[in-house]
Amino acid sequence: MIIRRSALVILMCLEIMLSAANLALVAFSRFRLEAGLPDYDGQMLVFFVITVAAAEVAVGLAIVVALFRSRRTIDVTTLTSMSH
């Protein structure tokens, strides 16, 4: 079995999980009705999650670039310590 432990793959998986949470928030906000209209609180929360995800990508990619420049690898099995 091939296992890839790349920091970029980990960041992409994190983004997929945040997107799944956003999809669930939007879907379930349509089922909660108040006075016959959908409750849009979940959809408003999605905008905040997207903002946090964008900031997480910027910081995460900056860390990955810094690690690659210093160690010449982004394989997380070889990056056991950040003290080097």
C-alpha atoms as a PDB file:
ATOM      1  CA  MET A   1       0.000   0.000   0.000  1.00  0.00           C
ATOM      2  CA  ILE A   2       1.344   3.407  -0.950  1.00  0.00           C
ATOM      3  CA  ILE A   3       1.176   6.017   1.786  1.00  0.00           C
ATOM      4  CA  ARG A   4       1.944   9.643   0.990  1.00  0.00           C
ATOM      5  CA  ARG A   5       2.618  11.815   3.986  1.00  0.00           C
ATOM      6  CA  SER A   6       3.054  15.158   2.349  1.00  0.00           C
ATOM      7  CA  ALA A   7       2.249  18.365   4.180  1.00  0.00           C
ATOM      8  CA  LEU A   8       0.416  19.637   1.099  1.00  0.00           C
ATOM      9  CA  VAL A   9      -1.832  16.567   1.028  1.00  0.00           C
ATOM     10  CA  ILE A  10      -2.610  17.080   4.710  1.00  0.00           C
ATOM     11  CA  LEU A  11      -3.586  20.709   4.041  1.00  0.00           C
ATOM     12  CA  MET A  12      -5.792  19.649   1.114  1.00  0.00           C
ATOM     13  CA  CYS A  13      -7.518  17.032   3.283  1.00  0.00           C
ATOM     14  CA  LEU A  14      -8.164  19.664   5.927  1.00  0.00           C
ATOM     15  CA  GLU A  15      -9.754  21.911   3.302  1.00  0.00           C
ATOM     16  CA  ILE A  16     -11.961  19.049   2.110  1.00  0.00           C
ATOM     17  CA  MET A  17     -13.146  18.495   5.696  1.00  0.00           C
ATOM     18  CA  LEU A  18     -13.960  22.195   6.102  1.00  0.00           C
ATOM     19  CA  SER A  19     -15.866  22.155   2.811  1.00  0.00           C
ATOM     20  CA  ALA A  20     -17.865  19.137   3.977  1.00  0.00           C
ATOM     21  CA  ALA A  21     -18.752  20.972   7.183  1.00  0.00           C
ATOM     22  CA  ASN A  22     -19.851  23.986   5.121  1.00  0.00           C
ATOM     23  CA  LEU A  23     -22.031  21.788   2.937  1.00  0.00           C
ATOM     24  CA  ALA A  24     -23.642  20.248   6.014  1.00  0.00           C
ATOM     25  CA  LEU A  25     -24.304  23.679   7.544  1.00  0.00           C
ATOM     26  CA  VAL A  26     -25.986  24.938   4.384  1.00  0.00           C
ATOM     27  CA  ALA A  27     -28.012  21.761   3.908  1.00  0.00           C
ATOM     28  CA  PHE A  28     -29.284  21.578   7.471  1.00  0.00           C
ATOM     29  CA  SER A  29     -30.084  25.283   7.606  1.00  0.00           C
ATOM     30  CA  ARG A  30     -32.632  24.661   4.847  1.00  0.00           C
ATOM     31  CA  PHE A  31     -34.464  22.086   6.998  1.00  0.00           C
ATOM     32  CA  ARG A  32     -34.901  24.325  10.041  1.00  0.00           C
ATOM     33  CA  LEU A  33     -37.923  26.474   9.348  1.00  0.00           C
ATOM     34  CA  GLU A  34     -38.939  29.582  11.273  1.00  0.00           C
ATOM     35  CA  ALA A  35     -42.317  31.058  10.318  1.00  0.00           C
ATOM     36  CA  GLY A  36     -42.294  29.017   7.116  1.00  0.00           C
ATOM     37  CA  LEU A  37     -38.933  30.395   5.956  1.00  0.00           C
ATOM     38  CA  PRO A  38     -35.540  28.684   6.153  1.00  0.00           C
ATOM     39  CA  ASP A  39     -33.202  29.700   8.968  1.00  0.00           C
ATOM     40  CA  TYR A  40     -30.118  31.284   7.431  1.00  0.00           C
ATOM     41  CA  ASP A  41     -27.923  31.191  10.554  1.00  0.00           C
ATOM     42  CA  GLY A  42     -26.031  28.179   9.236  1.00  0.00           C
ATOM     43  CA  GLN A  43     -25.387  29.886   5.921  1.00  0.00           C
ATOM     44  CA  MET A  44     -24.041  32.977   7.693  1.00  0.00           C
ATOM     45  CA  LEU A  45     -21.708  30.752   9.692  1.00  0.00           C
ATOM     46  CA  VAL A  46     -20.384  29.340   6.405  1.00  0.00           C
ATOM     47  CA  PHE A  47     -18.951  32.755   5.494  1.00  0.00           C
ATOM     48  CA  PHE A  48     -16.962  32.820   8.733  1.00  0.00           C
ATOM     49  CA  VAL A  49     -15.718  29.255   8.162  1.00  0.00           C
ATOM     50  CA  ILE A  50     -14.615  30.181   4.620  1.00  0.00           C
ATOM     51  CA  THR A  51     -12.733  33.193   6.022  1.00  0.00           C
ATOM     52  CA  VAL A  52     -10.971  31.060   8.615  1.00  0.00           C
ATOM     53  CA  ALA A  53     -10.166  28.441   5.958  1.00  0.00           C
ATOM     54  CA  ALA A  54      -8.600  31.076   3.713  1.00  0.00           C
ATOM     55  CA  ALA A  55      -6.425  32.327   6.572  1.00  0.00           C
ATOM     56  CA  GLU A  56      -5.492  28.725   7.440  1.00  0.00           C
ATOM     57  CA  VAL A  57      -4.388  28.085   3.853  1.00  0.00           C
ATOM     58  CA  ALA A  58      -2.232  31.214   3.794  1.00  0.00           C
ATOM     59  CA  VAL A  59      -0.499  30.365   7.076  1.00  0.00           C
ATOM     60  CA  GLY A  60      -0.217  26.664   6.228  1.00  0.00           C
ATOM     61  CA  LEU A  61       1.359  27.281   2.846  1.00  0.00           C
ATOM     62  CA  ALA A  62       3.783  29.774   4.369  1.00  0.00           C
ATOM     63  CA  ILE A  63       4.860  27.133   6.895  1.00  0.00           C
ATOM     64  CA  VAL A  64       5.228  24.497   4.158  1.00  0.00           C
ATOM     65  CA  VAL A  65       7.344  26.848   2.028  1.00  0.00           C
ATOM     66  CA  ALA A  66       9.545  27.718   5.010  1.00  0.00           C
ATOM     67  CA  LEU A  67      10.002  24.042   5.875  1.00  0.00           C
ATOM     68  CA  PHE A  68      10.850  23.165   2.293  1.00  0.00           C
ATOM     69  CA  ARG A  69      13.403  25.961   2.070  1.00  0.00           C
ATOM     70  CA  SER A  70      15.129  24.877   5.267  1.00  0.00           C
ATOM     71  CA  ARG A  71      14.915  21.081   4.990  1.00  0.00           C
ATOM     72  CA  ARG A  72      14.337  20.429   1.256  1.00  0.00           C
ATOM     73  CA  THR A  73      11.420  18.096   1.991  1.00  0.00           C
ATOM     74  CA  ILE A  74       7.749  18.329   2.935  1.00  0.00           C
ATOM     75  CA  ASP A  75       7.412  14.696   3.993  1.00  0.00           C
ATOM     76  CA  VAL A  76       5.970  14.821   7.512  1.00  0.00           C
ATOM     77  CA  THR A  77       7.654  11.590   8.605  1.00  0.00           C
ATOM     78  CA  THR A  78      11.059  13.257   8.272  1.00  0.00           C
ATOM     79  CA  LEU A  79       9.889  16.488   9.915  1.00  0.00           C
ATOM     80  CA  THR A  80       9.806  15.210  13.484  1.00  0.00           C
ATOM     81  CA  SER A  81      11.228  18.284  15.160  1.00  0.00           C
ATOM     82  CA  MET A  82      11.016  21.971  14.389  1.00  0.00           C
ATOM     83  CA  SER A  83      14.104  22.789  16.462  1.00  0.00           C
ATOM     84  CA  HIS A  84      16.597  22.370  13.591  1.00  0.00           C
END
